[in-house]
């Protein structure tokens, strides 16, 4: 299901095109994933989308200037109140 949705979301674009479309913004990259793919739209947090942006930066596949603006990280837990 996830791979089919990714194919639909990307269309004729490559993953590099998606990163380039974010124009250096991790927030824009995460928002694109969260609004374009159901499996990345965990309402209220967009945790998966934020982690995807952080993973791209860690892997060296993207350079984001606003990475510190993200609120969720790959600790697999969102702090509970």
C-alpha atoms as a PDB file:
ATOM      1  CA  UNK A   1       0.000   0.000   0.000  1.00  0.00           C
ATOM      2  CA  UNK A   2       2.774   2.434   0.955  1.00  0.00           C
ATOM      3  CA  UNK A   3       4.718   1.826  -2.262  1.00  0.00           C
ATOM      4  CA  UNK A   4       1.606   2.292  -4.395  1.00  0.00           C
ATOM      5  CA  UNK A   5       0.821   5.521  -2.599  1.00  0.00           C
ATOM      6  CA  UNK A   6       4.409   6.737  -3.027  1.00  0.00           C
ATOM      7  CA  UNK A   7       4.210   6.036  -6.766  1.00  0.00           C
ATOM      8  CA  UNK A   8       0.919   7.935  -7.007  1.00  0.00           C
ATOM      9  CA  UNK A   9       2.311  10.836  -4.963  1.00  0.00           C
ATOM     10  CA  UNK A  10       5.536  11.159  -6.941  1.00  0.00           C
ATOM     11  CA  UNK A  11       3.923  10.689 -10.354  1.00  0.00           C
ATOM     12  CA  UNK A  12       6.550  11.707 -12.894  1.00  0.00           C
ATOM     13  CA  UNK A  13       8.768  13.276 -10.227  1.00  0.00           C
ATOM     14  CA  UNK A  14      11.796  11.627  -8.656  1.00  0.00           C
ATOM     15  CA  UNK A  15      12.557  11.671  -4.939  1.00  0.00           C
ATOM     16  CA  UNK A  16      15.264  14.239  -5.735  1.00  0.00           C
ATOM     17  CA  UNK A  17      12.584  16.432  -7.347  1.00  0.00           C
ATOM     18  CA  UNK A  18      10.575  16.266  -4.136  1.00  0.00           C
ATOM     19  CA  UNK A  19      13.595  17.395  -2.096  1.00  0.00           C
ATOM     20  CA  UNK A  20      14.366  20.160  -4.602  1.00  0.00           C
ATOM     21  CA  UNK A  21      10.745  21.313  -4.456  1.00  0.00           C
ATOM     22  CA  UNK A  22      11.137  21.939  -0.733  1.00  0.00           C
ATOM     23  CA  UNK A  23      13.730  24.602  -1.595  1.00  0.00           C
ATOM     24  CA  UNK A  24      15.870  23.945   1.476  1.00  0.00           C
ATOM     25  CA  UNK A  25      12.968  23.813   3.930  1.00  0.00           C
ATOM     26  CA  UNK A  26      12.519  20.718   6.105  1.00  0.00           C
ATOM     27  CA  UNK A  27       9.144  22.074   7.166  1.00  0.00           C
ATOM     28  CA  UNK A  28       8.018  22.409   3.541  1.00  0.00           C
ATOM     29  CA  UNK A  29       9.309  18.894   2.770  1.00  0.00           C
ATOM     30  CA  UNK A  30       7.433  17.407   5.750  1.00  0.00           C
ATOM     31  CA  UNK A  31       4.276  19.316   4.907  1.00  0.00           C
ATOM     32  CA  UNK A  32       4.429  18.050   1.343  1.00  0.00           C
ATOM     33  CA  UNK A  33       4.597  14.457   2.552  1.00  0.00           C
ATOM     34  CA  UNK A  34       1.909  14.940   5.206  1.00  0.00           C
ATOM     35  CA  UNK A  35      -0.556  16.581   2.857  1.00  0.00           C
ATOM     36  CA  UNK A  36       0.195  14.373  -0.124  1.00  0.00           C
ATOM     37  CA  UNK A  37       0.395  10.894   1.396  1.00  0.00           C
ATOM     38  CA  UNK A  38      -2.142   9.354   3.770  1.00  0.00           C
ATOM     39  CA  UNK A  39       0.442   7.260   5.623  1.00  0.00           C
ATOM     40  CA  UNK A  40       2.436  10.393   6.482  1.00  0.00           C
ATOM     41  CA  UNK A  41      -0.601  12.317   7.711  1.00  0.00           C
ATOM     42  CA  UNK A  42      -0.693  11.499  11.415  1.00  0.00           C
ATOM     43  CA  UNK A  43      -2.827  14.493  12.322  1.00  0.00           C
ATOM     44  CA  UNK A  44      -1.532  16.908  14.897  1.00  0.00           C
ATOM     45  CA  UNK A  45       2.097  15.846  14.720  1.00  0.00           C
ATOM     46  CA  UNK A  46       3.130  14.849  11.190  1.00  0.00           C
ATOM     47  CA  UNK A  47       5.783  12.863  13.020  1.00  0.00           C
ATOM     48  CA  UNK A  48       6.539  10.463  10.170  1.00  0.00           C
ATOM     49  CA  UNK A  49       6.904  13.342   7.727  1.00  0.00           C
ATOM     50  CA  UNK A  50       9.222  15.221  10.092  1.00  0.00           C
ATOM     51  CA  UNK A  51      11.345  12.128  10.651  1.00  0.00           C
ATOM     52  CA  UNK A  52      11.539  11.634   6.872  1.00  0.00           C
ATOM     53  CA  UNK A  53      12.937  15.162   6.530  1.00  0.00           C
ATOM     54  CA  UNK A  54      15.479  14.548   9.301  1.00  0.00           C
ATOM     55  CA  UNK A  55      16.462  11.208   7.731  1.00  0.00           C
ATOM     56  CA  UNK A  56      17.068  12.896   4.374  1.00  0.00           C
ATOM     57  CA  UNK A  57      19.378  15.409   6.059  1.00  0.00           C
ATOM     58  CA  UNK A  58      21.244  12.733   8.030  1.00  0.00           C
ATOM     59  CA  UNK A  59      21.728  10.668   4.869  1.00  0.00           C
ATOM     60  CA  UNK A  60      23.125  13.699   3.057  1.00  0.00           C
ATOM     61  CA  UNK A  61      20.323  13.568   0.474  1.00  0.00           C
ATOM     62  CA  UNK A  62      19.020  17.006   1.422  1.00  0.00           C
ATOM     63  CA  UNK A  63      20.276  20.185   3.020  1.00  0.00           C
ATOM     64  CA  UNK A  64      17.588  21.957   4.996  1.00  0.00           C
ATOM     65  CA  UNK A  65      18.112  25.367   6.560  1.00  0.00           C
ATOM     66  CA  UNK A  66      15.260  25.043   9.061  1.00  0.00           C
ATOM     67  CA  UNK A  67      15.779  21.515  10.399  1.00  0.00           C
ATOM     68  CA  UNK A  68      15.732  22.840  13.970  1.00  0.00           C
ATOM     69  CA  UNK A  69      12.122  23.959  13.427  1.00  0.00           C
ATOM     70  CA  UNK A  70      10.913  20.360  13.401  1.00  0.00           C
ATOM     71  CA  UNK A  71       9.240  19.171  16.584  1.00  0.00           C
ATOM     72  CA  UNK A  72       9.376  15.355  16.314  1.00  0.00           C
ATOM     73  CA  UNK A  73      12.483  13.249  16.172  1.00  0.00           C
ATOM     74  CA  UNK A  74      13.389   9.613  15.630  1.00  0.00           C
ATOM     75  CA  UNK A  75      12.998   8.621  19.258  1.00  0.00           C
ATOM     76  CA  UNK A  76       9.772   6.771  18.377  1.00  0.00           C
ATOM     77  CA  UNK A  77       7.928   8.594  21.137  1.00  0.00           C
ATOM     78  CA  UNK A  78       6.088  11.868  21.132  1.00  0.00           C
ATOM     79  CA  UNK A  79       6.269  13.353  24.627  1.00  0.00           C
ATOM     80  CA  UNK A  80       3.083  12.750  26.580  1.00  0.00           C
ATOM     81  CA  UNK A  81       1.474  15.437  28.693  1.00  0.00           C
END
